[in-house]
C-alpha atoms as a PDB file:
ATOM      1  CA  MET A   1      24.993  57.902   0.928  1.00  0.00           C
ATOM      2  CA  ASN A   2      23.670  54.775  -0.723  1.00  0.00           C
ATOM      3  CA  LYS A   3      24.603  52.081   1.817  1.00  0.00           C
ATOM      4  CA  THR A   4      23.841  49.324  -0.654  1.00  0.00           C
ATOM      5  CA  ARG A   5      26.408  50.679  -3.097  1.00  0.00           C
ATOM      6  CA  VAL A   6      28.965  50.913  -0.290  1.00  0.00           C
ATOM      7  CA  LEU A   7      28.436  47.227   0.513  1.00  0.00           C
ATOM      8  CA  ILE A   8      28.730  46.247  -3.151  1.00  0.00           C
ATOM      9  CA  ASP A   9      31.980  48.198  -3.401  1.00  0.00           C
ATOM     10  CA  ILE A  10      33.334  46.506  -0.256  1.00  0.00           C
ATOM     11  CA  VAL A  11      32.577  43.064  -1.693  1.00  0.00           C
ATOM     12  CA  TYR A  12      34.454  44.004  -4.860  1.00  0.00           C
ATOM     13  CA  GLY A  13      37.343  45.566  -2.911  1.00  0.00           C
ATOM     14  CA  ARG A  14      36.632  49.176  -3.766  1.00  0.00           C
ATOM     15  CA  LYS A  15      36.095  50.609  -0.239  1.00  0.00           C
ATOM     16  CA  HIS A  16      38.318  50.953   2.822  1.00  0.00           C
ATOM     17  CA  ILE A  17      37.556  50.377   6.490  1.00  0.00           C
ATOM     18  CA  TYR A  18      37.686  54.067   7.462  1.00  0.00           C
ATOM     19  CA  MET A  19      34.596  54.674   5.336  1.00  0.00           C
ATOM     20  CA  VAL A  20      32.485  52.199   7.341  1.00  0.00           C
ATOM     21  CA  ASP A  21      30.407  52.741  10.490  1.00  0.00           C
ATOM     22  CA  ASP A  22      27.815  50.743  12.462  1.00  0.00           C
ATOM     23  CA  SER A  23      25.036  51.720  10.084  1.00  0.00           C
ATOM     24  CA  ILE A  24      26.850  49.888   7.293  1.00  0.00           C
ATOM     25  CA  PHE A  25      27.150  46.743   9.411  1.00  0.00           C
ATOM     26  CA  ASN A  26      23.434  46.956  10.271  1.00  0.00           C
ATOM     27  CA  HIS A  27      22.676  47.292   6.573  1.00  0.00           C
ATOM     28  CA  ALA A  28      24.868  44.275   5.821  1.00  0.00           C
ATOM     29  CA  ALA A  29      22.976  42.240   8.427  1.00  0.00           C
ATOM     30  CA  ARG A  30      19.617  43.161   6.862  1.00  0.00           C
ATOM     31  CA  ASN A  31      21.007  42.021   3.520  1.00  0.00           C
ATOM     32  CA  LYS A  32      22.352  38.701   4.870  1.00  0.00           C
ATOM     33  CA  ILE A  33      25.996  39.430   4.019  1.00  0.00           C
ATOM     34  CA  LEU A  34      27.343  40.618   7.387  1.00  0.00           C
ATOM     35  CA  LEU A  35      30.004  37.945   7.841  1.00  0.00           C
ATOM     36  CA  HIS A  36      31.273  38.425   4.303  1.00  0.00           C
ATOM     37  CA  ILE A  37      31.702  42.162   4.938  1.00  0.00           C
ATOM     38  CA  LEU A  38      33.456  41.592   8.262  1.00  0.00           C
ATOM     39  CA  ARG A  39      35.843  39.137   6.633  1.00  0.00           C
ATOM     40  CA  LYS A  40      36.417  41.401   3.644  1.00  0.00           C
ATOM     41  CA  LEU A  41      37.367  44.300   5.936  1.00  0.00           C
ATOM     42  CA  ASP A  42      39.415  41.969   8.183  1.00  0.00           C
ATOM     43  CA  ILE A  43      37.524  43.110  11.275  1.00  0.00           C
ATOM     44  CA  ASN A  44      38.095  40.860  14.280  1.00  0.00           C
ATOM     45  CA  ASN A  45      35.694  42.128  16.926  1.00  0.00           C
ATOM     46  CA  GLU A  46      33.057  40.393  19.070  1.00  0.00           C
ATOM     47  CA  LEU A  47      30.490  40.715  16.264  1.00  0.00           C
ATOM     48  CA  ARG A  48      32.800  38.836  13.898  1.00  0.00           C
ATOM     49  CA  LEU A  49      33.556  36.176  16.513  1.00  0.00           C
ATOM     50  CA  ASP A  50      29.841  35.671  17.160  1.00  0.00           C
ATOM     51  CA  GLN A  51      29.138  35.287  13.446  1.00  0.00           C
ATOM     52  CA  GLU A  52      32.003  32.826  13.015  1.00  0.00           C
ATOM     53  CA  ARG A  53      30.854  30.782  16.034  1.00  0.00           C
ATOM     54  CA  ARG A  54      27.312  30.607  14.743  1.00  0.00           C
ATOM     55  CA  LEU A  55      28.435  29.548  11.278  1.00  0.00           C
ATOM     56  CA  ASN A  56      30.702  26.893  12.774  1.00  0.00           C
ATOM     57  CA  ILE A  57      27.797  25.460  14.801  1.00  0.00           C
ATOM     58  CA  ILE A  58      25.607  25.380  11.690  1.00  0.00           C
ATOM     59  CA  HIS A  59      28.331  23.697   9.622  1.00  0.00           C
ATOM     60  CA  ASN A  60      28.967  21.059  12.287  1.00  0.00           C
ATOM     61  CA  THR A  61      25.244  20.384  12.583  1.00  0.00           C
ATOM     62  CA  LEU A  62      24.908  20.046   8.820  1.00  0.00           C
ATOM     63  CA  LYS A  63      27.867  17.661   8.616  1.00  0.00           C
ATOM     64  CA  ASN A  64      26.390  15.463  11.340  1.00  0.00           C
ATOM     65  CA  ILE A  65      23.015  15.424   9.590  1.00  0.00           C
ATOM     66  CA  TRP A  66      24.470  14.638   6.176  1.00  0.00           C
ATOM     67  CA  LYS A  67      26.466  11.687   7.460  1.00  0.00           C
ATOM     68  CA  LYS A  68      23.054  10.158   8.214  1.00  0.00           C
ATOM     69  CA  LEU A  69      21.582  11.135   4.830  1.00  0.00           C
ATOM     70  CA  ILE A  70      24.424   9.898   2.640  1.00  0.00           C
ATOM     71  CA  ASP A  71      22.416   6.943   1.282  1.00  0.00           C
ATOM     72  CA  PHE A  72      19.383   9.041   0.287  1.00  0.00           C
ATOM     73  CA  GLU A  73      19.448   9.825  -3.446  1.00  0.00           C
ATOM     74  CA  ARG A  74      16.458  12.195  -3.514  1.00  0.00           C
ATOM     75  CA  VAL A  75      17.678  14.838  -1.084  1.00  0.00           C
ATOM     76  CA  SER A  76      19.558  18.116  -1.498  1.00  0.00           C
ATOM     77  CA  MET A  77      20.454  21.259   0.401  1.00  0.00           C
ATOM     78  CA  ILE A  78      18.805  24.381  -0.997  1.00  0.00           C
ATOM     79  CA  LYS A  79      19.465  28.091  -0.384  1.00  0.00           C
ATOM     80  CA  PHE A  80      22.610  27.323   1.611  1.00  0.00           C
ATOM     81  CA  PHE A  81      25.807  27.342  -0.469  1.00  0.00           C
ATOM     82  CA  LYS A  82      26.297  30.781  -2.015  1.00  0.00           C
ATOM     83  CA  PRO A  83      29.097  32.817  -3.628  1.00  0.00           C
ATOM     84  CA  ILE A  84      28.867  35.072  -0.558  1.00  0.00           C
ATOM     85  CA  VAL A  85      29.740  34.141   3.043  1.00  0.00           C
ATOM     86  CA  TYR A  86      26.791  34.426   5.423  1.00  0.00           C
ATOM     87  CA  VAL A  87      25.209  32.823   8.467  1.00  0.00           C
ATOM     88  CA  PRO A  88      22.001  31.033   7.401  1.00  0.00           C
ATOM     89  CA  SER A  89      18.967  31.390   9.629  1.00  0.00           C
ATOM     90  CA  ASP A  90      18.116  27.713   9.092  1.00  0.00           C
ATOM     91  CA  LEU A  91      18.945  24.589   7.109  1.00  0.00           C
ATOM     92  CA  ASP A  92      16.627  24.046   4.142  1.00  0.00           C
ATOM     93  CA  ILE A  93      16.626  20.489   2.807  1.00  0.00           C
ATOM     94  CA  LEU A  94      14.651  19.359  -0.235  1.00  0.00           C
ATOM     95  CA  VAL A  95      13.376  15.780   0.119  1.00  0.00           C
ATOM     96  CA  HIS A  96      11.072  13.369  -1.683  1.00  0.00           C
ATOM     97  CA  GLU A  97       7.846  12.666   0.191  1.00  0.00           C
ATOM     98  CA  LYS A  98       8.645   8.926   0.187  1.00  0.00           C
ATOM     99  CA  ASP A  99      11.771   9.642   2.254  1.00  0.00           C
ATOM    100  CA  LEU A 100      10.248  12.289   4.519  1.00  0.00           C
ATOM    101  CA  GLY A 101       9.249   9.989   7.385  1.00  0.00           C
ATOM    102  CA  LYS A 102      12.640   8.283   7.489  1.00  0.00           C
ATOM    103  CA  ILE A 103      14.489  11.612   7.520  1.00  0.00           C
ATOM    104  CA  ILE A 104      12.245  12.990  10.276  1.00  0.00           C
ATOM    105  CA  ASN A 105      13.061   9.917  12.388  1.00  0.00           C
ATOM    106  CA  ILE A 106      16.781  10.418  11.749  1.00  0.00           C
ATOM    107  CA  LEU A 107      16.554  14.030  12.940  1.00  0.00           C
ATOM    108  CA  ARG A 108      14.529  13.016  15.979  1.00  0.00           C
ATOM    109  CA  ASP A 109      17.283  10.562  16.906  1.00  0.00           C
ATOM    110  CA  MET A 110      19.652  13.564  16.711  1.00  0.00           C
ATOM    111  CA  ASP A 111      17.564  15.445  19.314  1.00  0.00           C
ATOM    112  CA  PHE A 112      15.531  17.521  16.887  1.00  0.00           C
ATOM    113  CA  HIS A 113      11.830  17.853  17.565  1.00  0.00           C
ATOM    114  CA  ILE A 114       8.999  18.840  15.251  1.00  0.00           C
ATOM    115  CA  GLN A 115       7.945  22.470  15.526  1.00  0.00           C
ATOM    116  CA  VAL A 116       5.572  22.985  12.568  1.00  0.00           C
ATOM    117  CA  VAL A 117       3.913  20.621  10.088  1.00  0.00           C
ATOM    118  CA  GLU A 118       2.584  22.046   6.805  1.00  0.00           C
ATOM    119  CA  PRO A 119       1.497  20.287   3.596  1.00  0.00           C
ATOM    120  CA  TYR A 120       4.847  20.794   1.846  1.00  0.00           C
ATOM    121  CA  CYS A 121       7.235  21.524   4.712  1.00  0.00           C
ATOM    122  CA  VAL A 122       8.063  20.110   8.138  1.00  0.00           C
ATOM    123  CA  THR A 123      10.075  22.315  10.493  1.00  0.00           C
ATOM    124  CA  LEU A 124      12.238  20.841  13.239  1.00  0.00           C
ATOM    125  CA  ILE A 125      14.475  22.481  15.850  1.00  0.00           C
ATOM    126  CA  ASN A 126      17.135  21.284  18.291  1.00  0.00           C
ATOM    127  CA  ASN A 127      18.274  22.539  21.693  1.00  0.00           C
ATOM    128  CA  ASN A 128      20.888  24.821  20.094  1.00  0.00           C
ATOM    129  CA  GLY A 129      18.136  26.628  18.228  1.00  0.00           C
ATOM    130  CA  ILE A 130      19.183  25.202  14.857  1.00  0.00           C
ATOM    131  CA  ILE A 131      16.131  25.014  12.605  1.00  0.00           C
ATOM    132  CA  VAL A 132      15.775  22.450   9.813  1.00  0.00           C
ATOM    133  CA  ASP A 133      13.060  22.875   7.191  1.00  0.00           C
ATOM    134  CA  LEU A 134      12.313  19.700   5.239  1.00  0.00           C
ATOM    135  CA  TYR A 135      10.654  20.748   1.980  1.00  0.00           C
ATOM    136  CA  ILE A 136       8.727  18.342  -0.211  1.00  0.00           C
ATOM    137  CA  TYR A 137       8.302  21.255  -2.608  1.00  0.00           C
ATOM    138  CA  PRO A 138       9.484  24.883  -2.384  1.00  0.00           C
ATOM    139  CA  SER A 139       6.309  26.653  -1.300  1.00  0.00           C
ATOM    140  CA  PHE A 140       4.748  29.695   0.350  1.00  0.00           C
ATOM    141  CA  SER A 141       1.407  29.747   2.160  1.00  0.00           C
ATOM    142  CA  ASN A 142       0.934  26.135   1.006  1.00  0.00           C
ATOM    143  CA  ILE A 143       1.385  27.096  -2.669  1.00  0.00           C
ATOM    144  CA  ILE A 144       4.118  25.344  -4.663  1.00  0.00           C
ATOM    145  CA  TYR A 145       6.297  27.777  -6.603  1.00  0.00           C
ATOM    146  CA  LEU A 146       8.947  25.408  -8.044  1.00  0.00           C
ATOM    147  CA  ASN A 147       8.991  21.822  -9.215  1.00  0.00           C
ATOM    148  CA  ARG A 148      11.094  19.745  -6.830  1.00  0.00           C
ATOM    149  CA  ASP A 149      12.050  17.245  -9.534  1.00  0.00           C
ATOM    150  CA  ILE A 150      13.640  19.912 -11.733  1.00  0.00           C
ATOM    151  CA  LEU A 151      15.806  20.962  -8.799  1.00  0.00           C
ATOM    152  CA  LEU A 152      16.807  17.420  -7.854  1.00  0.00           C
ATOM    153  CA  GLU A 153      17.867  16.802 -11.457  1.00  0.00           C
ATOM    154  CA  ASN A 154      20.358  19.677 -11.128  1.00  0.00           C
ATOM    155  CA  THR A 155      22.590  18.947  -8.152  1.00  0.00           C
ATOM    156  CA  THR A 156      26.273  18.800  -7.335  1.00  0.00           C
ATOM    157  CA  TYR A 157      28.439  18.247  -4.262  1.00  0.00           C
ATOM    158  CA  VAL A 158      30.187  20.681  -1.923  1.00  0.00           C
ATOM    159  CA  LYS A 159      32.666  19.537   0.707  1.00  0.00           C
ATOM    160  CA  ILE A 160      32.648  20.867   4.265  1.00  0.00           C
ATOM    161  CA  ASP A 161      35.826  19.494   5.811  1.00  0.00           C
ATOM    162  CA  ASP A 162      35.630  15.758   5.063  1.00  0.00           C
ATOM    163  CA  VAL A 163      31.881  15.569   4.358  1.00  0.00           C
ATOM    164  CA  LEU A 164      30.474  15.696   0.818  1.00  0.00           C
ATOM    165  CA  ILE A 165      27.072  17.391   0.849  1.00  0.00           C
ATOM    166  CA  ARG A 166      24.624  17.273  -2.038  1.00  0.00           C
ATOM    167  CA  THR A 167      23.406  20.702  -3.014  1.00  0.00           C
ATOM    168  CA  LEU A 168      21.898  22.423  -6.026  1.00  0.00           C
ATOM    169  CA  SER A 169      24.013  23.268  -9.041  1.00  0.00           C
ATOM    170  CA  ARG A 170      24.840  26.961  -9.378  1.00  0.00           C
ATOM    171  CA  GLU A 171      22.150  27.374 -12.024  1.00  0.00           C
ATOM    172  CA  ALA A 172      19.491  25.656  -9.909  1.00  0.00           C
ATOM    173  CA  GLU A 173      20.564  27.756  -6.912  1.00  0.00           C
ATOM    174  CA  VAL A 174      20.028  30.912  -8.957  1.00  0.00           C
ATOM    175  CA  LEU A 175      16.653  29.552 -10.056  1.00  0.00           C
ATOM    176  CA  ILE A 176      15.428  28.991  -6.510  1.00  0.00           C
ATOM    177  CA  THR A 177      16.977  32.280  -5.326  1.00  0.00           C
ATOM    178  CA  ILE A 178      14.913  34.175  -7.900  1.00  0.00           C
ATOM    179  CA  ALA A 179      11.730  32.215  -7.224  1.00  0.00           C
ATOM    180  CA  HIS A 180      12.111  32.468  -3.446  1.00  0.00           C
ATOM    181  CA  ALA A 181      12.740  36.221  -3.580  1.00  0.00           C
ATOM    182  CA  ILE A 182       9.769  36.936  -5.837  1.00  0.00           C
ATOM    183  CA  TYR A 183       7.042  34.446  -4.972  1.00  0.00           C
ATOM    184  CA  LYS A 184       7.720  33.886  -1.276  1.00  0.00           C
ATOM    185  CA  GLU A 185       9.529  36.901   0.155  1.00  0.00           C
ATOM    186  CA  ASN A 186       8.523  39.627  -2.336  1.00  0.00           C
ATOM    187  CA  MET A 187      11.865  41.367  -1.897  1.00  0.00           C
ATOM    188  CA  ILE A 188      15.496  41.132  -2.975  1.00  0.00           C
ATOM    189  CA  THR A 189      18.468  41.228  -0.587  1.00  0.00           C
ATOM    190  CA  LEU A 190      22.133  41.697  -1.453  1.00  0.00           C
ATOM    191  CA  ASN A 191      22.601  38.011  -0.686  1.00  0.00           C
ATOM    192  CA  ASP A 192      20.191  37.360  -3.568  1.00  0.00           C
ATOM    193  CA  TYR A 193      21.899  40.049  -5.656  1.00  0.00           C
ATOM    194  CA  PHE A 194      25.350  38.460  -5.468  1.00  0.00           C
ATOM    195  CA  THR A 195      24.050  34.911  -5.925  1.00  0.00           C
ATOM    196  CA  ILE A 196      22.232  35.881  -9.108  1.00  0.00           C
ATOM    197  CA  THR A 197      24.773  38.282 -10.606  1.00  0.00           C
ATOM    198  CA  LYS A 198      27.737  35.969 -10.004  1.00  0.00           C
ATOM    199  CA  TRP A 199      26.115  32.707 -11.155  1.00  0.00           C
ATOM    200  CA  PHE A 200      23.522  33.716 -13.755  1.00  0.00           C
ATOM    201  CA  ASN A 201      23.905  32.174 -17.226  1.00  0.00           C
ATOM    202  CA  ASN A 202      21.837  30.903 -20.148  1.00  0.00           C
ATOM    203  CA  HIS A 203      21.129  27.576 -18.454  1.00  0.00           C
ATOM    204  CA  VAL A 204      19.303  29.487 -15.708  1.00  0.00           C
ATOM    205  CA  VAL A 205      17.017  30.888 -18.401  1.00  0.00           C
ATOM    206  CA  ASP A 206      16.361  27.369 -19.708  1.00  0.00           C
ATOM    207  CA  LEU A 207      15.501  26.132 -16.203  1.00  0.00           C
ATOM    208  CA  ALA A 208      13.291  29.169 -15.625  1.00  0.00           C
ATOM    209  CA  ARG A 209      11.408  28.515 -18.850  1.00  0.00           C
ATOM    210  CA  THR A 210      10.800  24.897 -17.846  1.00  0.00           C
ATOM    211  CA  SER A 211       9.762  26.028 -14.349  1.00  0.00           C
ATOM    212  CA  LYS A 212       7.345  28.661 -15.690  1.00  0.00           C
ATOM    213  CA  ILE A 213       9.067  31.569 -13.898  1.00  0.00           C
ATOM    214  CA  LEU A 214      10.483  33.613 -16.797  1.00  0.00           C
ATOM    215  CA  PRO A 215       8.473  36.728 -15.766  1.00  0.00           C
ATOM    216  CA  ALA A 216      10.065  36.488 -12.311  1.00  0.00           C
ATOM    217  CA  VAL A 217      13.520  36.344 -13.902  1.00  0.00           C
ATOM    218  CA  SER A 218      12.731  39.413 -15.976  1.00  0.00           C
ATOM    219  CA  ILE A 219      11.595  41.519 -13.029  1.00  0.00           C
ATOM    220  CA  VAL A 220      14.506  40.395 -10.850  1.00  0.00           C
ATOM    221  CA  LEU A 221      17.025  41.428 -13.515  1.00  0.00           C
ATOM    222  CA  GLU A 222      15.364  44.852 -13.682  1.00  0.00           C
ATOM    223  CA  TYR A 223      15.678  45.297  -9.928  1.00  0.00           C
ATOM    224  CA  LEU A 224      19.279  44.082  -9.912  1.00  0.00           C
ATOM    225  CA  ASN A 225      20.090  46.713 -12.516  1.00  0.00           C
ATOM    226  CA  MET A 226      18.533  49.409 -10.308  1.00  0.00           C
ATOM    227  CA  ILE A 227      20.543  48.167  -7.314  1.00  0.00           C
ATOM    228  CA  THR A 228      23.765  48.210  -9.345  1.00  0.00           C
ATOM    229  CA  LYS A 229      23.111  51.795 -10.461  1.00  0.00           C
ATOM    230  CA  GLY A 230      22.420  52.911  -6.895  1.00  0.00           C
ATOM    231  CA  LEU A 231      18.816  53.862  -7.671  1.00  0.00           C
ATOM    232  CA  VAL A 232      17.362  51.820  -4.779  1.00  0.00           C
ATOM    233  CA  GLU A 233      18.502  50.452  -1.442  1.00  0.00           C
ATOM    234  CA  ALA A 234      18.433  46.722  -0.763  1.00  0.00           C
ATOM    235  CA  PRO A 235      16.541  44.896   0.551  1.00  0.00           C
ATOM    236  CA  VAL A 236      14.156  46.241  -2.067  1.00  0.00           C
ATOM    237  CA  ARG A 237      10.474  45.362  -2.056  1.00  0.00           C
ATOM    238  CA  ILE A 238       8.874  44.257  -5.335  1.00  0.00           C
ATOM    239  CA  ASN A 239       6.233  46.581  -6.748  1.00  0.00           C
ATOM    240  CA  LEU A 240       2.849  45.151  -5.684  1.00  0.00           C
ATOM    241  CA  PRO A 241       0.927  45.537  -8.998  1.00  0.00           C
ATOM    242  CA  ARG A 242       3.737  43.802 -10.908  1.00  0.00           C
ATOM    243  CA  LEU A 243       3.910  41.145  -8.226  1.00  0.00           C
ATOM    244  CA  MET A 244       0.212  40.396  -8.668  1.00  0.00           C
ATOM    245  CA  LEU A 245       0.682  39.987 -12.428  1.00  0.00           C
ATOM    246  CA  ILE A 246       3.517  37.532 -11.830  1.00  0.00           C
ATOM    247  CA  TYR A 247       1.360  35.477  -9.453  1.00  0.00           C
ATOM    248  CA  VAL A 248      -1.464  35.349 -11.994  1.00  0.00           C
ATOM    249  CA  ASP A 249       0.934  34.324 -14.776  1.00  0.00           C
ATOM    250  CA  LYS A 250       2.344  31.533 -12.603  1.00  0.00           C
ATOM    251  CA  LEU A 251      -1.109  30.208 -11.771  1.00  0.00           C
ATOM    252  CA  LEU A 252      -2.213  30.274 -15.398  1.00  0.00           C
ATOM    253  CA  LYS A 253       0.862  28.515 -16.781  1.00  0.00           C
ATOM    254  CA  ASP A 254       1.955  26.097 -14.039  1.00  0.00           C
ATOM    255  CA  ASN A 255      -0.241  23.046 -13.393  1.00  0.00           C
ATOM    256  CA  LEU A 256       1.764  22.125 -10.295  1.00  0.00           C
ATOM    257  CA  THR A 257       1.202  25.542  -8.737  1.00  0.00           C
ATOM    258  CA  ARG A 258      -2.520  25.388  -9.549  1.00  0.00           C
ATOM    259  CA  SER A 259      -2.805  21.909  -8.074  1.00  0.00           C
ATOM    260  CA  SER A 260      -1.625  23.220  -4.695  1.00  0.00           C
ATOM    261  CA  LEU A 261      -4.301  25.919  -4.427  1.00  0.00           C
ATOM    262  CA  ILE A 262      -6.607  23.617  -2.488  1.00  0.00           C
ATOM    263  CA  LYS A 263      -3.929  23.450   0.211  1.00  0.00           C
ATOM    264  CA  ALA A 264      -3.677  27.246   0.206  1.00  0.00           C
ATOM    265  CA  THR A 265      -7.308  27.538   1.285  1.00  0.00           C
ATOM    266  CA  GLU A 266      -6.381  25.692   4.480  1.00  0.00           C
ATOM    267  CA  ARG A 267      -3.935  28.492   5.291  1.00  0.00           C
ATOM    268  CA  LEU A 268      -6.754  31.040   5.116  1.00  0.00           C
ATOM    269  CA  ARG A 269      -8.333  29.377   8.149  1.00  0.00           C
ATOM    270  CA  ASP A 270      -5.157  29.895  10.188  1.00  0.00           C
ATOM    271  CA  LYS A 271      -5.845  32.482  12.915  1.00  0.00           C
ATOM    272  CA  ARG A 272      -2.344  33.862  12.371  1.00  0.00           C
ATOM    273  CA  PHE A 273      -2.875  34.470   8.642  1.00  0.00           C
ATOM    274  CA  GLY A 274      -3.870  38.147   8.944  1.00  0.00           C
ATOM    275  CA  SER A 275      -0.975  39.065  11.229  1.00  0.00           C
ATOM    276  CA  LEU A 276       1.459  37.143   9.020  1.00  0.00           C
ATOM    277  CA  ILE A 277       0.324  39.081   5.934  1.00  0.00           C
ATOM    278  CA  LEU A 278       0.646  42.398   7.794  1.00  0.00           C
ATOM    279  CA  SER A 279       4.125  41.481   8.987  1.00  0.00           C
ATOM    280  CA  LYS A 280       5.159  40.531   5.470  1.00  0.00           C
ATOM    281  CA  MET A 281       3.943  43.848   4.072  1.00  0.00           C
ATOM    282  CA  THR A 282       5.737  45.995   6.665  1.00  0.00           C
ATOM    283  CA  ARG A 283       9.021  44.170   7.331  1.00  0.00           C
ATOM    284  CA  LYS A 284      12.376  45.586   6.214  1.00  0.00           C
ATOM    285  CA  THR A 285      14.007  42.235   5.413  1.00  0.00           C
ATOM    286  CA  TYR A 286      13.400  38.501   5.741  1.00  0.00           C
END
């Protein structure tokens, strides 16, 4: 049984509850769509209650944060609002470097404390275990993979209760979903699958061309087709040789990515670098 296909069918209303067991829920969790599946099947157990509680805490935290950020024009949520219901592992906020210090101070006043400082990202955490990543640029291992300004030029607003929160447009959300899956995580989850398949359009292609990630779009669409046909299980890892070609293409064509390479050399001196690479190569999801 292809568990990925079962989950896709549940999302589209083509499966019934008697066909589902714990292995399906575990698979949904690995694919970051567990709460959506539980809601779709109208299951009201402790697992569902825990997911709903966690999401409620995250939403309340985000609302409280955004009330403090309302006057900042160069700030946006990223990788948060999706066409699928899920419990995010953290809050990713894209900010301009000129506003970074002010926003860090705001979060500190809200009982967040700094956990990690990297060239393009500062990670903070509060006593409830809510993590906030403040990104100057979307990056991995200190390498920039998307231009922040392109993203901030493509934003909209989503309301949570009475709070309007700036977030990426659907097209920009697809753009960063593709780039994040390929360049940073090297794998595609069903959360990515539904975000891309439901919101993909020609404007995404235009943004991808400007962002120098068209090869990433091409390979993602190939993998999505394989997932749809039931040929692979998600999360699916990207073929390493093709991944290397995509990295090389990005470095050759994107000046912004190349400019960040000097920062990447600093990561090589991190004592954790080897173990982090090994973990990334062997993990089942992200």
